[in-house]
N, C-alpha and C. Protein backbone atom coordinates (compact mmCIF):
# COMPACT_ATOMS: atom_id res chain seq x y z
N MET A 1 212.97 83.67 86.57
CA MET A 1 212.79 85.06 86.24
C MET A 1 214.08 85.59 85.58
N THR A 2 213.96 86.16 84.42
CA THR A 2 215.11 86.65 83.64
C THR A 2 215.49 88.01 84.24
N SER A 3 216.75 88.46 83.81
CA SER A 3 217.18 89.77 84.28
C SER A 3 216.34 90.91 83.72
N ASP A 4 215.76 90.74 82.58
CA ASP A 4 214.88 91.72 82.01
C ASP A 4 213.60 91.88 82.85
N ASN A 5 213.07 90.72 83.28
CA ASN A 5 211.87 90.72 84.17
C ASN A 5 212.19 91.35 85.51
N ILE A 6 213.35 91.03 86.06
CA ILE A 6 213.77 91.67 87.32
C ILE A 6 213.82 93.21 87.16
N PHE A 7 214.50 93.67 86.09
CA PHE A 7 214.62 95.08 85.84
C PHE A 7 213.28 95.73 85.70
N GLN A 8 212.37 95.07 85.00
CA GLN A 8 210.99 95.63 84.83
C GLN A 8 210.29 95.73 86.14
N LEU A 9 210.43 94.71 87.00
CA LEU A 9 209.79 94.70 88.33
C LEU A 9 210.33 95.82 89.18
N VAL A 10 211.66 95.93 89.24
CA VAL A 10 212.31 96.98 90.01
C VAL A 10 211.79 98.32 89.51
N TYR A 11 211.78 98.59 88.19
CA TYR A 11 211.34 99.87 87.58
C TYR A 11 209.87 100.08 88.01
N PHE A 12 209.03 99.08 87.97
CA PHE A 12 207.63 99.19 88.28
C PHE A 12 207.46 99.56 89.77
N VAL A 13 208.22 98.95 90.64
CA VAL A 13 208.15 99.22 92.12
C VAL A 13 208.58 100.63 92.38
N ILE A 14 209.72 101.12 91.79
CA ILE A 14 210.20 102.43 91.96
C ILE A 14 209.17 103.48 91.48
N LEU A 15 208.59 103.21 90.33
CA LEU A 15 207.57 104.09 89.76
C LEU A 15 206.36 104.16 90.75
N LEU A 16 205.93 103.02 91.29
CA LEU A 16 204.83 103.02 92.23
C LEU A 16 205.16 103.75 93.50
N LEU A 17 206.35 103.61 93.98
CA LEU A 17 206.78 104.31 95.23
C LEU A 17 206.81 105.82 94.98
N ALA A 18 207.30 106.21 93.81
CA ALA A 18 207.37 107.65 93.48
C ALA A 18 205.94 108.26 93.39
N ILE A 19 205.10 107.57 92.70
CA ILE A 19 203.65 107.98 92.56
C ILE A 19 202.98 107.96 93.90
N GLY A 20 203.20 106.88 94.68
CA GLY A 20 202.55 106.78 95.98
C GLY A 20 203.02 107.79 96.92
N GLY A 21 204.35 108.09 96.91
CA GLY A 21 204.87 109.14 97.82
C GLY A 21 204.34 110.51 97.50
N SER A 22 204.24 110.80 96.21
CA SER A 22 203.71 112.12 95.81
C SER A 22 202.21 112.20 96.13
N MET A 23 201.51 111.14 96.05
CA MET A 23 200.05 111.16 96.38
C MET A 23 199.83 111.34 97.88
N ILE A 24 200.69 110.67 98.71
CA ILE A 24 200.59 110.83 100.21
C ILE A 24 200.73 112.32 100.53
N THR A 25 201.72 112.94 99.90
CA THR A 25 201.95 114.34 100.16
C THR A 25 200.81 115.19 99.72
N LEU A 26 200.30 114.88 98.52
CA LEU A 26 199.26 115.73 97.91
C LEU A 26 197.90 115.57 98.58
N TYR A 27 197.62 114.33 98.98
CA TYR A 27 196.27 114.06 99.46
C TYR A 27 196.27 113.75 101.00
N ARG A 28 197.06 114.44 101.69
CA ARG A 28 197.13 114.31 103.18
C ARG A 28 195.68 114.56 103.73
N GLY A 29 195.19 113.57 104.46
CA GLY A 29 193.86 113.69 105.05
C GLY A 29 192.75 113.22 104.17
N GLN A 30 193.03 112.85 102.92
CA GLN A 30 191.98 112.42 101.98
C GLN A 30 192.31 111.00 101.52
N VAL A 31 192.30 110.03 102.45
CA VAL A 31 192.76 108.68 102.18
C VAL A 31 191.95 108.00 101.05
N GLY A 32 190.66 108.13 101.10
CA GLY A 32 189.80 107.49 100.06
C GLY A 32 190.15 107.99 98.70
N ARG A 33 190.28 109.28 98.54
CA ARG A 33 190.63 109.85 97.22
C ARG A 33 192.05 109.39 96.81
N MET A 34 192.98 109.37 97.76
CA MET A 34 194.33 108.97 97.45
C MET A 34 194.40 107.48 96.99
N ILE A 35 193.69 106.62 97.64
CA ILE A 35 193.65 105.19 97.24
C ILE A 35 193.10 105.07 95.82
N ARG A 36 192.02 105.84 95.55
CA ARG A 36 191.42 105.70 94.18
C ARG A 36 192.45 106.17 93.14
N GLN A 37 193.06 107.28 93.33
CA GLN A 37 194.06 107.85 92.42
C GLN A 37 195.23 106.87 92.28
N PHE A 38 195.69 106.29 93.36
CA PHE A 38 196.81 105.35 93.42
C PHE A 38 196.42 104.12 92.56
N LEU A 39 195.24 103.57 92.68
CA LEU A 39 194.81 102.45 91.94
C LEU A 39 194.65 102.72 90.48
N ILE A 40 194.26 103.97 90.15
CA ILE A 40 194.23 104.36 88.71
C ILE A 40 195.62 104.27 88.08
N TRP A 41 196.61 104.82 88.84
CA TRP A 41 198.01 104.81 88.38
C TRP A 41 198.56 103.37 88.24
N VAL A 42 198.18 102.53 89.19
CA VAL A 42 198.61 101.14 89.13
C VAL A 42 198.04 100.51 87.90
N ALA A 43 196.80 100.74 87.58
CA ALA A 43 196.16 100.20 86.39
C ALA A 43 196.79 100.71 85.10
N ILE A 44 197.09 102.03 85.08
CA ILE A 44 197.77 102.58 83.92
C ILE A 44 199.11 101.95 83.70
N CYS A 45 199.90 101.81 84.76
CA CYS A 45 201.27 101.22 84.63
C CYS A 45 201.14 99.77 84.24
N ALA A 46 200.22 99.04 84.84
CA ALA A 46 200.08 97.61 84.49
C ALA A 46 199.64 97.45 83.03
N ALA A 47 198.80 98.34 82.53
CA ALA A 47 198.34 98.30 81.15
C ALA A 47 199.54 98.56 80.17
N LEU A 48 200.38 99.52 80.58
CA LEU A 48 201.54 99.78 79.77
C LEU A 48 202.53 98.66 79.70
N VAL A 49 202.76 98.04 80.85
CA VAL A 49 203.67 96.87 80.92
C VAL A 49 203.13 95.70 80.12
N ILE A 50 201.85 95.41 80.30
CA ILE A 50 201.22 94.34 79.57
C ILE A 50 201.15 94.57 78.09
N GLY A 51 200.90 95.84 77.74
CA GLY A 51 200.87 96.25 76.32
C GLY A 51 202.23 96.07 75.68
N TYR A 52 203.27 96.54 76.40
CA TYR A 52 204.64 96.37 75.86
C TYR A 52 205.03 94.95 75.70
N GLU A 53 204.73 94.07 76.64
CA GLU A 53 205.06 92.66 76.56
C GLU A 53 204.29 91.98 75.40
N ASN A 54 203.17 92.55 75.03
CA ASN A 54 202.37 91.91 73.94
C ASN A 54 202.26 92.82 72.74
N LYS A 55 203.32 93.61 72.51
CA LYS A 55 203.25 94.59 71.39
C LYS A 55 203.07 93.91 70.06
N HIS A 56 203.56 92.72 69.91
CA HIS A 56 203.41 91.99 68.66
C HIS A 56 201.99 91.80 68.25
N LEU A 57 201.06 91.79 69.25
CA LEU A 57 199.63 91.59 68.96
C LEU A 57 199.04 92.89 68.32
N PHE A 58 199.63 94.04 68.66
CA PHE A 58 199.10 95.30 68.13
C PHE A 58 199.77 95.91 66.93
N GLU A 59 200.93 95.33 66.53
CA GLU A 59 201.65 95.92 65.41
C GLU A 59 200.93 95.93 64.16
N GLY A 60 200.11 95.00 63.89
CA GLY A 60 199.35 94.94 62.65
C GLY A 60 198.27 96.06 62.65
N TRP A 61 197.76 96.52 63.78
CA TRP A 61 196.78 97.53 63.86
C TRP A 61 197.46 98.97 63.76
N LEU A 62 198.63 99.05 64.43
CA LEU A 62 199.28 100.35 64.57
C LEU A 62 200.24 100.70 63.41
N LEU A 63 200.80 99.71 62.80
CA LEU A 63 201.83 99.99 61.77
C LEU A 63 201.22 99.56 60.42
N PRO A 64 201.50 100.35 59.36
CA PRO A 64 201.04 99.89 58.08
C PRO A 64 201.88 98.64 57.56
N GLU A 65 201.13 97.89 56.69
CA GLU A 65 201.80 96.71 56.11
C GLU A 65 202.94 97.21 55.24
N THR A 66 204.15 96.68 55.46
CA THR A 66 205.27 97.13 54.77
C THR A 66 205.55 96.35 53.47
N GLN A 67 204.84 95.28 53.32
CA GLN A 67 205.03 94.41 52.14
C GLN A 67 203.62 93.91 51.65
N SER A 68 203.39 94.06 50.43
CA SER A 68 202.12 93.54 49.90
C SER A 68 202.32 92.96 48.53
N VAL A 69 201.41 92.07 48.09
CA VAL A 69 201.47 91.43 46.81
C VAL A 69 200.12 91.75 46.11
N ASP A 70 200.18 92.19 44.86
CA ASP A 70 198.95 92.45 44.14
C ASP A 70 198.55 91.21 43.39
N GLN A 71 197.44 91.32 42.58
CA GLN A 71 196.89 90.21 41.90
C GLN A 71 197.81 89.65 40.79
N GLN A 72 198.70 90.52 40.24
CA GLN A 72 199.67 90.06 39.28
C GLN A 72 200.89 89.44 39.84
N GLY A 73 200.93 89.44 41.14
CA GLY A 73 202.13 88.85 41.79
C GLY A 73 203.27 89.82 42.07
N ASN A 74 203.06 91.11 41.76
CA ASN A 74 204.05 92.14 42.01
C ASN A 74 204.15 92.37 43.51
N VAL A 75 205.33 92.52 44.01
CA VAL A 75 205.56 92.76 45.43
C VAL A 75 205.91 94.25 45.62
N THR A 76 205.15 94.88 46.51
CA THR A 76 205.37 96.32 46.89
C THR A 76 205.96 96.41 48.25
N LEU A 77 207.07 97.10 48.38
CA LEU A 77 207.72 97.24 49.67
C LEU A 77 207.72 98.75 50.02
N LEU A 78 207.54 99.05 51.30
CA LEU A 78 207.66 100.43 51.80
C LEU A 78 208.96 100.60 52.57
N ARG A 79 209.61 101.76 52.36
CA ARG A 79 210.83 102.10 53.00
C ARG A 79 210.63 102.14 54.53
N ASN A 80 211.57 101.56 55.26
CA ASN A 80 211.42 101.53 56.74
C ASN A 80 211.91 102.86 57.35
N ALA A 81 211.82 102.96 58.64
CA ALA A 81 212.19 104.17 59.35
C ALA A 81 213.69 104.51 59.18
N GLN A 82 214.53 103.51 58.93
CA GLN A 82 215.97 103.77 58.72
C GLN A 82 216.29 104.11 57.22
N GLY A 83 215.34 104.10 56.44
CA GLY A 83 215.51 104.44 55.02
C GLY A 83 215.81 103.22 54.10
N TYR A 84 215.72 102.05 54.57
CA TYR A 84 215.92 100.83 53.79
C TYR A 84 214.66 100.24 53.37
N PHE A 85 214.77 99.46 52.28
CA PHE A 85 213.66 98.57 51.92
C PHE A 85 213.95 97.15 52.46
N GLN A 86 212.92 96.63 53.18
CA GLN A 86 213.06 95.28 53.71
C GLN A 86 212.00 94.44 53.02
N VAL A 87 212.28 93.14 52.92
CA VAL A 87 211.36 92.21 52.38
C VAL A 87 211.39 90.96 53.22
N ARG A 88 210.22 90.31 53.44
CA ARG A 88 210.15 89.07 54.16
C ARG A 88 210.06 87.93 53.09
N GLY A 89 211.01 87.04 53.13
CA GLY A 89 210.99 85.92 52.26
C GLY A 89 210.84 84.64 53.04
N LEU A 90 210.45 83.60 52.31
CA LEU A 90 210.39 82.25 52.93
C LEU A 90 211.62 81.46 52.39
N VAL A 91 212.51 81.15 53.30
CA VAL A 91 213.70 80.40 52.97
C VAL A 91 213.48 78.96 53.48
N ASN A 92 213.40 77.98 52.64
CA ASN A 92 213.14 76.61 53.07
C ASN A 92 211.92 76.61 54.00
N ASP A 93 210.86 77.39 53.66
CA ASP A 93 209.60 77.48 54.30
C ASP A 93 209.74 78.18 55.68
N ALA A 94 210.80 78.85 55.99
CA ALA A 94 210.91 79.58 57.27
C ALA A 94 211.02 81.04 56.98
N PRO A 95 210.34 81.92 57.67
CA PRO A 95 210.35 83.34 57.29
C PRO A 95 211.73 84.03 57.75
N VAL A 96 212.21 84.79 56.77
CA VAL A 96 213.49 85.56 57.02
C VAL A 96 213.30 86.95 56.50
N ASP A 97 213.64 87.90 57.31
CA ASP A 97 213.60 89.33 56.89
C ASP A 97 214.93 89.73 56.22
N PHE A 98 214.84 90.30 55.03
CA PHE A 98 216.09 90.75 54.30
C PHE A 98 216.06 92.23 54.10
N VAL A 99 217.22 92.84 54.12
CA VAL A 99 217.37 94.24 53.68
C VAL A 99 217.81 94.16 52.19
N ILE A 100 217.08 94.91 51.35
CA ILE A 100 217.46 94.98 49.91
C ILE A 100 218.79 95.73 49.84
N ASP A 101 219.79 95.05 49.30
CA ASP A 101 221.15 95.66 49.18
C ASP A 101 221.63 95.53 47.74
N THR A 102 221.46 96.61 47.01
CA THR A 102 221.92 96.59 45.63
C THR A 102 223.45 96.58 45.51
N GLY A 103 224.16 96.82 46.61
CA GLY A 103 225.57 96.77 46.64
C GLY A 103 226.13 95.36 46.86
N ALA A 104 225.21 94.48 47.23
CA ALA A 104 225.60 93.09 47.46
C ALA A 104 225.22 92.29 46.20
N SER A 105 226.08 91.31 45.86
CA SER A 105 225.79 90.52 44.66
C SER A 105 225.01 89.29 44.97
N LEU A 106 225.12 88.80 46.25
CA LEU A 106 224.49 87.52 46.64
C LEU A 106 223.37 87.66 47.65
N ILE A 107 222.66 86.57 47.82
CA ILE A 107 221.80 86.49 48.98
C ILE A 107 222.75 86.13 50.17
N VAL A 108 222.71 86.91 51.20
CA VAL A 108 223.62 86.71 52.32
C VAL A 108 222.77 86.49 53.58
N LEU A 109 222.92 85.35 54.16
CA LEU A 109 222.20 84.96 55.36
C LEU A 109 223.08 85.27 56.63
N SER A 110 222.48 85.87 57.62
CA SER A 110 223.18 86.00 58.86
C SER A 110 223.30 84.60 59.51
N GLN A 111 224.16 84.49 60.52
CA GLN A 111 224.36 83.21 61.20
C GLN A 111 223.00 82.74 61.83
N ALA A 112 222.31 83.69 62.51
CA ALA A 112 221.03 83.38 63.16
C ALA A 112 220.03 82.89 62.13
N ASP A 113 219.90 83.59 60.99
CA ASP A 113 218.87 83.17 59.99
C ASP A 113 219.28 81.89 59.32
N ALA A 114 220.55 81.66 59.12
CA ALA A 114 220.99 80.42 58.52
C ALA A 114 220.61 79.19 59.44
N THR A 115 220.75 79.40 60.72
CA THR A 115 220.41 78.39 61.70
C THR A 115 218.90 78.18 61.62
N SER A 116 218.13 79.29 61.62
CA SER A 116 216.64 79.11 61.62
C SER A 116 216.08 78.43 60.40
N VAL A 117 216.84 78.44 59.23
CA VAL A 117 216.30 77.78 58.04
C VAL A 117 216.94 76.38 57.92
N GLY A 118 217.72 75.95 58.90
CA GLY A 118 218.11 74.55 58.83
C GLY A 118 219.60 74.25 58.60
N PHE A 119 220.43 75.23 58.53
CA PHE A 119 221.88 74.99 58.31
C PHE A 119 222.61 74.92 59.66
N ASP A 120 223.55 73.99 59.72
CA ASP A 120 224.38 73.92 60.86
C ASP A 120 225.62 74.79 60.59
N VAL A 121 225.59 75.98 61.13
CA VAL A 121 226.61 77.02 60.75
C VAL A 121 227.99 76.62 61.21
N ASP A 122 228.11 75.75 62.21
CA ASP A 122 229.41 75.37 62.69
C ASP A 122 230.07 74.32 61.74
N SER A 123 229.32 73.69 60.93
CA SER A 123 229.89 72.66 60.05
C SER A 123 230.10 73.23 58.57
N LEU A 124 229.70 74.43 58.33
CA LEU A 124 229.90 75.02 57.00
C LEU A 124 231.40 75.39 56.75
N ARG A 125 231.79 75.37 55.48
CA ARG A 125 233.13 75.75 55.14
C ARG A 125 233.12 77.19 54.70
N TYR A 126 233.74 78.05 55.46
CA TYR A 126 233.77 79.47 55.17
C TYR A 126 235.07 79.76 54.36
N ASP A 127 235.03 79.36 53.13
CA ASP A 127 236.23 79.48 52.30
C ASP A 127 236.12 80.57 51.28
N GLY A 128 234.95 81.32 51.24
CA GLY A 128 234.81 82.45 50.35
C GLY A 128 235.23 83.75 51.09
N VAL A 129 235.65 84.70 50.29
CA VAL A 129 236.01 86.02 50.89
C VAL A 129 235.30 87.14 50.11
N ALA A 130 234.61 87.97 50.79
CA ALA A 130 233.87 89.08 50.13
C ALA A 130 234.39 90.39 50.64
N SER A 131 234.51 91.35 49.76
CA SER A 131 234.88 92.73 50.20
C SER A 131 233.64 93.51 50.47
N THR A 132 233.54 94.08 51.65
CA THR A 132 232.37 94.82 52.06
C THR A 132 232.84 96.27 52.48
N ALA A 133 231.83 97.11 52.81
CA ALA A 133 232.18 98.42 53.27
C ALA A 133 232.98 98.34 54.60
N ASN A 134 232.79 97.30 55.33
CA ASN A 134 233.47 97.11 56.61
C ASN A 134 234.72 96.24 56.52
N GLY A 135 235.22 96.00 55.31
CA GLY A 135 236.39 95.18 55.09
C GLY A 135 236.01 93.87 54.54
N GLU A 136 236.99 92.95 54.55
CA GLU A 136 236.80 91.57 54.06
C GLU A 136 236.09 90.75 55.08
N VAL A 137 235.22 89.87 54.57
CA VAL A 137 234.49 88.97 55.48
C VAL A 137 234.40 87.56 54.79
N ARG A 138 234.52 86.57 55.62
CA ARG A 138 234.48 85.17 55.09
C ARG A 138 233.03 84.70 54.98
N PHE A 139 232.77 83.87 54.00
CA PHE A 139 231.41 83.35 53.89
C PHE A 139 231.45 81.91 53.30
N ALA A 140 230.33 81.19 53.58
CA ALA A 140 230.21 79.82 53.11
C ALA A 140 229.08 79.85 52.05
N GLN A 141 229.33 79.08 50.96
CA GLN A 141 228.28 78.96 49.95
C GLN A 141 227.28 77.83 50.32
N VAL A 142 226.03 78.10 50.16
CA VAL A 142 225.02 77.14 50.44
C VAL A 142 223.96 77.13 49.37
N LEU A 143 223.14 76.09 49.33
CA LEU A 143 222.10 75.97 48.29
C LEU A 143 220.75 75.91 49.05
N LEU A 144 219.86 76.85 48.82
CA LEU A 144 218.57 76.92 49.46
C LEU A 144 217.64 75.99 48.69
N ASP A 145 216.90 75.16 49.45
CA ASP A 145 215.92 74.30 48.82
C ASP A 145 214.85 75.09 48.13
N SER A 146 214.34 76.15 48.80
CA SER A 146 213.35 76.99 48.23
C SER A 146 213.46 78.45 48.77
N PHE A 147 213.08 79.37 47.91
CA PHE A 147 213.17 80.81 48.29
C PHE A 147 211.92 81.41 47.68
N ALA A 148 211.13 82.10 48.49
CA ALA A 148 209.86 82.69 48.06
C ALA A 148 209.74 84.05 48.52
N ILE A 149 209.31 84.98 47.61
CA ILE A 149 208.93 86.30 47.90
C ILE A 149 207.58 86.49 47.27
N GLY A 150 206.55 86.85 48.05
CA GLY A 150 205.24 86.93 47.56
C GLY A 150 204.81 85.61 46.96
N ASP A 151 204.27 85.64 45.76
CA ASP A 151 203.76 84.38 45.16
C ASP A 151 204.81 83.60 44.40
N SER A 152 206.02 84.22 44.22
CA SER A 152 207.09 83.63 43.43
C SER A 152 207.92 82.71 44.30
N VAL A 153 208.04 81.46 43.77
CA VAL A 153 208.84 80.45 44.56
C VAL A 153 209.96 79.95 43.56
N ASP A 154 211.22 80.03 44.06
CA ASP A 154 212.32 79.51 43.27
C ASP A 154 212.95 78.39 44.06
N VAL A 155 213.41 77.36 43.41
CA VAL A 155 214.05 76.21 43.99
C VAL A 155 215.55 76.13 43.67
N GLY A 156 216.32 75.59 44.55
CA GLY A 156 217.77 75.47 44.31
C GLY A 156 218.45 76.77 44.09
N VAL A 157 218.23 77.71 45.04
CA VAL A 157 218.78 79.08 44.91
C VAL A 157 220.12 79.12 45.67
N GLY A 158 221.16 79.61 45.02
CA GLY A 158 222.43 79.77 45.67
C GLY A 158 222.42 81.00 46.63
N ALA A 159 223.12 80.84 47.74
CA ALA A 159 223.26 81.87 48.70
C ALA A 159 224.52 81.76 49.49
N SER A 160 224.79 82.62 50.40
CA SER A 160 225.95 82.52 51.22
C SER A 160 225.58 82.76 52.69
N VAL A 161 226.39 82.25 53.61
CA VAL A 161 226.24 82.47 55.00
C VAL A 161 227.47 83.25 55.47
N ASN A 162 227.18 84.40 56.06
CA ASN A 162 228.25 85.26 56.48
C ASN A 162 228.86 84.79 57.76
N ALA A 163 230.18 84.75 57.84
CA ALA A 163 230.91 84.27 59.03
C ALA A 163 231.01 85.35 60.06
N GLY A 164 230.78 86.59 59.68
CA GLY A 164 230.94 87.73 60.60
C GLY A 164 229.63 88.01 61.40
N GLU A 165 229.59 89.10 62.06
CA GLU A 165 228.45 89.46 62.86
C GLU A 165 227.50 90.35 62.04
N LEU A 166 226.76 89.70 61.17
CA LEU A 166 225.76 90.37 60.32
C LEU A 166 224.44 90.25 61.13
N SER A 167 223.80 91.41 61.41
CA SER A 167 222.53 91.37 62.14
C SER A 167 221.32 91.04 61.29
N THR A 168 221.33 91.45 60.03
CA THR A 168 220.18 91.27 59.14
C THR A 168 220.66 90.65 57.85
N SER A 169 219.93 89.70 57.35
CA SER A 169 220.28 89.06 56.10
C SER A 169 220.08 90.06 54.94
N LEU A 170 220.80 89.88 53.83
CA LEU A 170 220.83 90.78 52.72
C LEU A 170 220.34 90.09 51.50
N LEU A 171 219.49 90.85 50.70
CA LEU A 171 219.04 90.34 49.40
C LEU A 171 219.77 91.14 48.33
N GLY A 172 220.73 90.50 47.64
CA GLY A 172 221.52 91.17 46.67
C GLY A 172 221.01 91.04 45.20
N LEU A 173 221.84 91.55 44.29
CA LEU A 173 221.49 91.53 42.92
C LEU A 173 221.28 90.23 42.25
N ALA A 174 221.96 89.21 42.68
CA ALA A 174 221.87 87.88 42.07
C ALA A 174 220.36 87.40 42.15
N TYR A 175 219.67 87.76 43.22
CA TYR A 175 218.20 87.39 43.25
C TYR A 175 217.39 88.44 42.60
N LEU A 176 217.75 89.72 42.84
CA LEU A 176 216.94 90.80 42.31
C LEU A 176 216.85 90.72 40.76
N ASP A 177 217.92 90.21 40.17
CA ASP A 177 217.92 90.08 38.70
C ASP A 177 216.91 89.13 38.14
N ARG A 178 216.26 88.30 39.01
CA ARG A 178 215.16 87.39 38.62
C ARG A 178 213.86 88.16 38.33
N PHE A 179 213.80 89.37 38.78
CA PHE A 179 212.58 90.24 38.56
C PHE A 179 212.75 90.90 37.19
N SER A 180 211.66 91.01 36.45
CA SER A 180 211.72 91.63 35.10
C SER A 180 211.90 93.15 35.25
N ARG A 181 211.39 93.72 36.34
CA ARG A 181 211.45 95.16 36.45
C ARG A 181 211.43 95.46 37.98
N ILE A 182 212.25 96.53 38.35
CA ILE A 182 212.25 97.01 39.74
C ILE A 182 212.02 98.48 39.65
N VAL A 183 210.94 98.96 40.30
CA VAL A 183 210.59 100.40 40.20
C VAL A 183 210.68 100.97 41.65
N ILE A 184 211.40 102.12 41.75
CA ILE A 184 211.47 102.81 43.02
C ILE A 184 210.79 104.17 42.85
N GLU A 185 209.71 104.37 43.62
CA GLU A 185 208.95 105.64 43.59
C GLU A 185 208.88 106.17 45.00
N ALA A 186 209.66 107.21 45.31
CA ALA A 186 209.70 107.81 46.64
C ALA A 186 209.99 106.77 47.70
N ASP A 187 209.04 106.40 48.56
CA ASP A 187 209.25 105.46 49.67
C ASP A 187 208.69 104.06 49.31
N ARG A 188 208.61 103.78 48.00
CA ARG A 188 207.98 102.53 47.59
C ARG A 188 208.85 101.86 46.57
N MET A 189 209.02 100.54 46.71
CA MET A 189 209.74 99.75 45.69
C MET A 189 208.75 98.63 45.25
N ILE A 190 208.72 98.48 43.92
CA ILE A 190 207.84 97.47 43.35
C ILE A 190 208.69 96.48 42.59
N LEU A 191 208.58 95.20 42.94
CA LEU A 191 209.34 94.12 42.28
C LEU A 191 208.35 93.43 41.36
N GLU A 192 208.59 93.44 40.07
CA GLU A 192 207.71 92.85 39.06
C GLU A 192 208.36 91.65 38.48
N ARG A 193 207.59 90.50 38.30
CA ARG A 193 208.06 89.36 37.71
C ARG A 193 207.67 89.21 36.32
């Protein structure tokens, strides 16, 4: 049992005790009604916990698709809640989420994403230096076997792996320049090949 599971169990027990205590006070002398109400609250809490644990199953129903590809192969992206455009690409056939960063010149992989697409981040040579808004950061140059967004697949694409604590990989101008046209309309970005 992980610490998150223990925390959830403790929270659930405290919630049940609070609800149960208030119900005993409220329904004094009406045991049958109290038990029914208590079981309803237990079911509601259990449904919330199970729903949260399995939220990935419901995201497609509750959230709009943030990336789509039309018949011409154009990729349409919707701005996320933080105001950024994100795109899911396939790097060496593994899915990677990128933030579109027009201030970055390269494709920049986080350490976690670089590992997930097959690079041994501990054996890379971090001999490049990039100036960022947060100061200088070291990076290693890598070559991606394949990089796909929508229906477009490119092979032998140059990228870099960030040596710092980058939480999300970045898609910079070096790759965006491969599109013939980029259109931004309100909360929508269209990448045309």
